[in-house]
């Protein structure tokens, strides 16, 4: 039986307890022994024998795989150097959890993306931002719609910069269809479904922020955009978000490493926990899957 870790941060676990339980249960059904651990209880390091990892002070041995839901790419890299199969990989976690790096990567593939500027308050003058007001400002490492603001004036921008002392920000032009996007869910490098998210009260369409949802049938040209990303960045389980322009075409917005799937369960379309664990088991050579 393969032995692995399921890793969450404490703050994320509080809203994902039921999903964690589902992952653990499906693990048993697929001959996987999964130990749930909090990221905050792990310690990483190196010594004369090489790389090591401990949990609550006890060295962890014989770990075959790890499902990293902590968003910490350094943890993924440590585990990979130790020969442990990590879901998602270090590359996915490293790119997805910094919006600037994500847009650099997507642009290199020639995929349409929101017009974006990387802004560093320490040495860039806010009165010389490259976009007209209003525009959107995002913390590059935010997720779930947090620390995302629409700014209408220079005073609003200055207030945000004072209140949130981040060293870098992402600035983006506003898409023609504000408050609407499509999230494409991918497991094992395959599209398993898509959800249209929309809001009539907020420019952010996130379901966790009160946005509405409905099933979305992808067109062939939209699938090809997703497949292009997956060709260059193999993903175990991610969400890929697109805005929709005035002509109905996809414009890339964000890549979610630790993607939530409440919307899929609400619509009773896809059991992502089951599919994800089956993918993990198959990737580890479980012939019963």
Protein backbone atom coordinates (compact mmCIF):
# COMPACT_ATOMS: atom_id res chain seq x y z
CA UNK A 1 0.00 0.00 0.00
CA UNK A 2 1.37 3.40 -0.98
CA UNK A 3 1.83 5.85 1.89
CA UNK A 4 1.31 9.56 1.49
CA UNK A 5 0.53 12.91 3.05
CA UNK A 6 -2.43 15.23 2.60
CA UNK A 7 -1.23 18.72 3.51
CA UNK A 8 -3.40 21.74 4.34
CA UNK A 9 -2.85 24.97 6.20
CA UNK A 10 -4.99 25.32 9.30
CA UNK A 11 -6.93 28.33 8.03
CA UNK A 12 -7.87 26.47 4.83
CA UNK A 13 -8.79 23.27 6.66
CA UNK A 14 -11.54 25.06 8.61
CA UNK A 15 -13.59 25.49 5.43
CA UNK A 16 -12.53 22.20 3.84
CA UNK A 17 -13.05 19.62 6.60
CA UNK A 18 -15.69 17.67 4.67
CA UNK A 19 -13.56 17.63 1.52
CA UNK A 20 -10.55 16.38 3.48
CA UNK A 21 -12.70 13.57 4.89
CA UNK A 22 -13.81 12.64 1.36
CA UNK A 23 -10.23 12.53 0.09
CA UNK A 24 -9.19 10.33 3.01
CA UNK A 25 -12.13 7.97 2.51
CA UNK A 26 -11.53 7.60 -1.22
CA UNK A 27 -7.87 6.99 -0.41
CA UNK A 28 -8.81 3.91 1.62
CA UNK A 29 -10.99 2.64 -1.23
CA UNK A 30 -8.05 2.96 -3.60
CA UNK A 31 -5.48 1.20 -1.42
CA UNK A 32 -3.73 4.41 -0.38
CA UNK A 33 -2.68 5.11 3.19
CA UNK A 34 -3.01 8.88 3.59
CA UNK A 35 -1.86 10.75 6.68
CA UNK A 36 -3.43 14.18 7.11
CA UNK A 37 -1.02 16.84 8.38
CA UNK A 38 -1.04 20.59 8.86
CA UNK A 39 1.59 22.52 6.96
CA UNK A 40 2.39 24.46 10.14
CA UNK A 41 3.41 21.18 11.88
CA UNK A 42 5.97 20.28 9.21
CA UNK A 43 9.65 21.17 9.34
CA UNK A 44 12.08 20.89 6.43
CA UNK A 45 15.82 20.96 6.36
CA UNK A 46 19.15 19.49 5.28
CA UNK A 47 21.95 17.82 7.19
CA UNK A 48 24.97 15.64 6.48
CA UNK A 49 22.65 12.87 5.25
CA UNK A 50 20.75 15.14 2.87
CA UNK A 51 17.20 16.50 2.83
CA UNK A 52 14.79 15.69 5.63
CA UNK A 53 11.20 16.40 6.73
CA UNK A 54 9.64 16.03 10.16
CA UNK A 55 6.11 16.23 11.54
CA UNK A 56 5.76 17.54 15.09
CA UNK A 57 9.45 16.83 15.63
CA UNK A 58 9.38 13.26 14.29
CA UNK A 59 11.20 12.46 11.06
CA UNK A 60 8.88 11.22 8.32
CA UNK A 61 10.11 8.14 6.52
CA UNK A 62 8.74 5.99 3.70
CA UNK A 63 6.54 8.67 2.15
CA UNK A 64 5.65 7.75 -1.44
CA UNK A 65 3.49 10.74 -2.36
CA UNK A 66 2.08 14.01 -1.08
CA UNK A 67 -1.10 15.90 -1.99
CA UNK A 68 0.03 19.44 -1.34
CA UNK A 69 -2.93 21.75 -0.72
CA UNK A 70 -0.85 24.36 1.13
CA UNK A 71 0.11 26.53 -1.89
CA UNK A 72 3.73 26.39 -0.72
CA UNK A 73 6.05 25.72 -3.65
CA UNK A 74 9.20 25.38 -1.52
CA UNK A 75 7.55 22.44 0.25
CA UNK A 76 6.81 20.84 -3.12
CA UNK A 77 10.39 21.28 -4.28
CA UNK A 78 11.79 19.77 -1.08
CA UNK A 79 9.54 16.73 -1.45
CA UNK A 80 10.39 16.29 -5.11
CA UNK A 81 14.13 16.44 -4.35
CA UNK A 82 13.48 13.70 -1.78
CA UNK A 83 11.99 11.51 -4.50
CA UNK A 84 8.39 11.95 -3.40
CA UNK A 85 5.65 12.30 -6.04
CA UNK A 86 3.82 15.57 -5.38
CA UNK A 87 0.29 16.48 -6.52
CA UNK A 88 0.38 19.26 -7.89
CA UNK A 89 3.99 19.50 -8.95
CA UNK A 90 6.38 22.21 -7.80
CA UNK A 91 6.16 23.91 -11.21
CA UNK A 92 2.37 24.20 -11.04
CA UNK A 93 2.40 25.49 -7.46
CA UNK A 94 5.22 27.93 -8.20
CA UNK A 95 3.47 29.42 -11.25
CA UNK A 96 -0.14 29.33 -10.09
CA UNK A 97 0.36 31.00 -6.72
CA UNK A 98 1.87 34.18 -8.10
CA UNK A 99 -0.33 35.97 -10.62
CA UNK A 100 2.63 37.73 -12.21
CA UNK A 101 4.46 34.49 -12.96
CA UNK A 102 1.21 32.96 -14.20
CA UNK A 103 0.64 35.73 -16.74
CA UNK A 104 4.27 35.57 -17.89
CA UNK A 105 3.86 31.86 -18.59
CA UNK A 106 0.48 32.15 -20.31
CA UNK A 107 1.66 35.03 -22.50
CA UNK A 108 4.68 32.96 -23.59
CA UNK A 109 2.21 30.41 -25.02
CA UNK A 110 0.48 33.05 -27.13
CA UNK A 111 -2.81 32.68 -25.25
CA UNK A 112 -4.99 35.84 -25.02
CA UNK A 113 -4.73 37.33 -21.54
CA UNK A 114 -5.99 40.38 -19.69
CA UNK A 115 -3.71 43.39 -20.16
CA UNK A 116 -1.52 43.29 -17.07
CA UNK A 117 1.17 45.41 -15.45
CA UNK A 118 3.48 44.38 -12.60
CA UNK A 119 3.58 47.21 -10.07
CA UNK A 120 6.16 47.78 -7.31
CA UNK A 121 5.13 50.66 -4.99
CA UNK A 122 8.64 51.01 -3.53
CA UNK A 123 10.09 52.48 -6.70
CA UNK A 124 7.18 53.02 -9.12
CA UNK A 125 5.09 56.18 -9.05
CA UNK A 126 1.38 55.44 -8.67
CA UNK A 127 0.41 58.51 -10.70
CA UNK A 128 2.08 56.93 -13.71
CA UNK A 129 0.21 53.62 -13.82
CA UNK A 130 -0.23 52.45 -17.45
CA UNK A 131 -4.03 52.08 -17.32
CA UNK A 132 -6.89 54.54 -17.26
CA UNK A 133 -9.24 54.48 -14.28
CA UNK A 134 -11.04 52.36 -13.34
CA UNK A 135 -8.80 49.30 -13.32
CA UNK A 136 -8.27 46.28 -11.07
CA UNK A 137 -5.44 45.84 -8.60
CA UNK A 138 -4.60 42.40 -7.15
CA UNK A 139 -2.18 41.03 -4.60
CA UNK A 140 -0.10 38.56 -6.66
CA UNK A 141 -0.37 35.78 -4.07
CA UNK A 142 -4.05 36.27 -3.17
CA UNK A 143 -6.68 33.62 -3.85
CA UNK A 144 -10.43 33.15 -3.69
CA UNK A 145 -11.10 36.75 -4.71
CA UNK A 146 -9.31 38.18 -1.65
CA UNK A 147 -7.20 41.34 -1.96
CA UNK A 148 -8.70 42.16 -5.35
CA UNK A 149 -9.97 45.71 -5.77
CA UNK A 150 -11.41 47.92 -8.46
CA UNK A 151 -9.95 51.41 -8.17
CA UNK A 152 -11.64 54.45 -9.68
CA UNK A 153 -9.32 57.26 -8.59
CA UNK A 154 -5.75 57.93 -7.56
CA UNK A 155 -6.92 58.51 -3.98
CA UNK A 156 -8.49 55.04 -3.86
CA UNK A 157 -5.26 53.53 -5.16
CA UNK A 158 -3.18 55.35 -2.54
CA UNK A 159 -5.51 54.17 0.23
CA UNK A 160 -5.11 50.53 -0.84
CA UNK A 161 -1.33 50.86 -1.06
CA UNK A 162 -1.24 52.30 2.47
CA UNK A 163 -3.60 49.71 3.95
CA UNK A 164 -1.94 46.68 2.33
CA UNK A 165 1.80 47.07 2.42
CA UNK A 166 2.63 44.49 -0.26
CA UNK A 167 5.89 44.95 -2.11
CA UNK A 168 4.28 44.11 -5.43
CA UNK A 169 0.87 44.22 -7.08
CA UNK A 170 -0.79 43.17 -10.31
CA UNK A 171 -2.67 45.86 -12.24
CA UNK A 172 -5.18 44.82 -14.91
CA UNK A 173 -7.51 46.49 -17.37
CA UNK A 174 -11.18 45.75 -16.86
CA UNK A 175 -12.70 43.17 -19.16
CA UNK A 176 -15.82 44.15 -21.12
CA UNK A 177 -17.91 41.61 -19.16
CA UNK A 178 -17.34 42.56 -15.52
CA UNK A 179 -18.54 40.11 -12.87
CA UNK A 180 -18.50 37.06 -15.13
CA UNK A 181 -15.99 34.31 -15.82
CA UNK A 182 -15.69 30.62 -16.66
CA UNK A 183 -13.73 28.21 -14.50
CA UNK A 184 -12.49 25.07 -16.26
CA UNK A 185 -11.71 22.14 -13.96
CA UNK A 186 -8.87 19.79 -14.85
CA UNK A 187 -7.94 16.48 -13.21
CA UNK A 188 -5.16 14.26 -14.49
CA UNK A 189 -4.55 16.56 -17.44
CA UNK A 190 -8.14 16.17 -18.66
CA UNK A 191 -11.03 18.62 -18.64
CA UNK A 192 -13.74 17.31 -16.32
CA UNK A 193 -16.16 20.23 -16.60
CA UNK A 194 -16.63 23.98 -16.62
CA UNK A 195 -18.73 26.42 -14.61
CA UNK A 196 -19.90 29.90 -15.57
CA UNK A 197 -19.74 32.19 -12.55
CA UNK A 198 -21.47 35.55 -12.52
CA UNK A 199 -22.50 38.29 -10.12
CA UNK A 200 -24.83 41.26 -10.43
CA UNK A 201 -23.51 42.92 -7.28
CA UNK A 202 -19.72 42.46 -7.44
CA UNK A 203 -17.10 42.71 -10.18
CA UNK A 204 -15.69 39.45 -8.77
CA UNK A 205 -17.64 36.35 -9.81
CA UNK A 206 -16.25 33.94 -7.18
CA UNK A 207 -18.83 31.45 -5.90
CA UNK A 208 -17.43 31.73 -2.37
CA UNK A 209 -18.19 35.48 -2.49
CA UNK A 210 -21.83 34.96 -3.40
CA UNK A 211 -21.62 34.66 -7.17
CA UNK A 212 -24.15 32.61 -9.12
CA UNK A 213 -23.17 29.47 -11.02
CA UNK A 214 -24.33 27.36 -13.93
CA UNK A 215 -22.87 24.53 -15.99
CA UNK A 216 -20.94 25.71 -19.05
CA UNK A 217 -20.43 23.69 -22.22
CA UNK A 218 -17.04 24.50 -23.69
CA UNK A 219 -16.68 25.09 -27.42
CA UNK A 220 -13.89 23.39 -29.33
CA UNK A 221 -11.77 26.54 -29.65
CA UNK A 222 -12.08 27.07 -25.90
CA UNK A 223 -10.99 23.50 -25.18
CA UNK A 224 -7.95 24.02 -27.40
CA UNK A 225 -6.80 26.95 -25.24
CA UNK A 226 -6.99 24.76 -22.14
CA UNK A 227 -5.23 21.89 -23.90
CA UNK A 228 -2.43 24.25 -24.95
CA UNK A 229 -1.82 25.17 -21.31
CA UNK A 230 -1.87 21.52 -20.23
CA UNK A 231 0.55 20.55 -22.99
CA UNK A 232 3.17 22.89 -21.55
CA UNK A 233 2.20 22.55 -17.88
CA UNK A 234 1.01 19.06 -16.83
CA UNK A 235 -1.52 19.48 -14.02
CA UNK A 236 -2.95 16.98 -11.54
CA UNK A 237 -5.89 19.06 -10.29
CA UNK A 238 -6.36 22.74 -11.12
CA UNK A 239 -8.91 25.34 -12.09
CA UNK A 240 -8.25 27.59 -15.07
CA UNK A 241 -10.24 30.83 -15.13
CA UNK A 242 -11.16 32.78 -18.24
CA UNK A 243 -12.94 36.08 -18.75
CA UNK A 244 -15.18 36.48 -21.81
CA UNK A 245 -14.69 39.45 -24.14
CA UNK A 246 -17.34 41.29 -26.15
CA UNK A 247 -17.01 38.78 -28.99
CA UNK A 248 -17.50 35.77 -26.72
CA UNK A 249 -13.85 34.73 -26.80
CA UNK A 250 -11.88 33.47 -23.82
CA UNK A 251 -9.29 35.73 -22.20
CA UNK A 252 -7.09 34.03 -19.60
CA UNK A 253 -7.44 35.34 -16.05
CA UNK A 254 -6.00 33.01 -13.40
CA UNK A 255 -4.71 29.51 -12.67
CA UNK A 256 -5.86 28.00 -9.36
CA UNK A 257 -3.52 25.44 -7.79
CA UNK A 258 -5.64 24.61 -4.72
CA UNK A 259 -8.93 24.82 -6.53
CA UNK A 260 -12.24 24.48 -4.70
CA UNK A 261 -15.10 22.49 -6.22
CA UNK A 262 -18.16 23.44 -4.16
CA UNK A 263 -19.80 24.66 -7.36
CA UNK A 264 -19.50 21.24 -8.99
CA UNK A 265 -20.97 19.50 -5.94
CA UNK A 266 -23.76 22.08 -5.73
CA UNK A 267 -24.71 21.33 -9.33
CA UNK A 268 -24.27 17.58 -8.60
CA UNK A 269 -22.21 17.14 -11.73
CA UNK A 270 -18.78 15.83 -10.72
CA UNK A 271 -17.29 14.17 -7.63
CA UNK A 272 -13.83 15.76 -7.77
CA UNK A 273 -12.56 14.03 -4.63
CA UNK A 274 -13.23 10.62 -6.18
CA UNK A 275 -11.69 11.53 -9.52
CA UNK A 276 -8.66 13.16 -7.91
CA UNK A 277 -7.83 10.21 -5.67
CA UNK A 278 -8.33 7.79 -8.56
CA UNK A 279 -5.87 9.88 -10.57
CA UNK A 280 -3.39 9.82 -7.68
CA UNK A 281 -3.70 6.03 -7.33
CA UNK A 282 -3.32 5.46 -11.07
CA UNK A 283 -0.28 7.75 -11.22
CA UNK A 284 1.33 5.69 -8.46
CA UNK A 285 0.78 2.47 -10.37
CA UNK A 286 -2.34 1.15 -8.66
CA UNK A 287 -3.59 -1.40 -11.18
CA UNK A 288 -7.04 -1.62 -9.58
CA UNK A 289 -8.02 1.86 -10.77
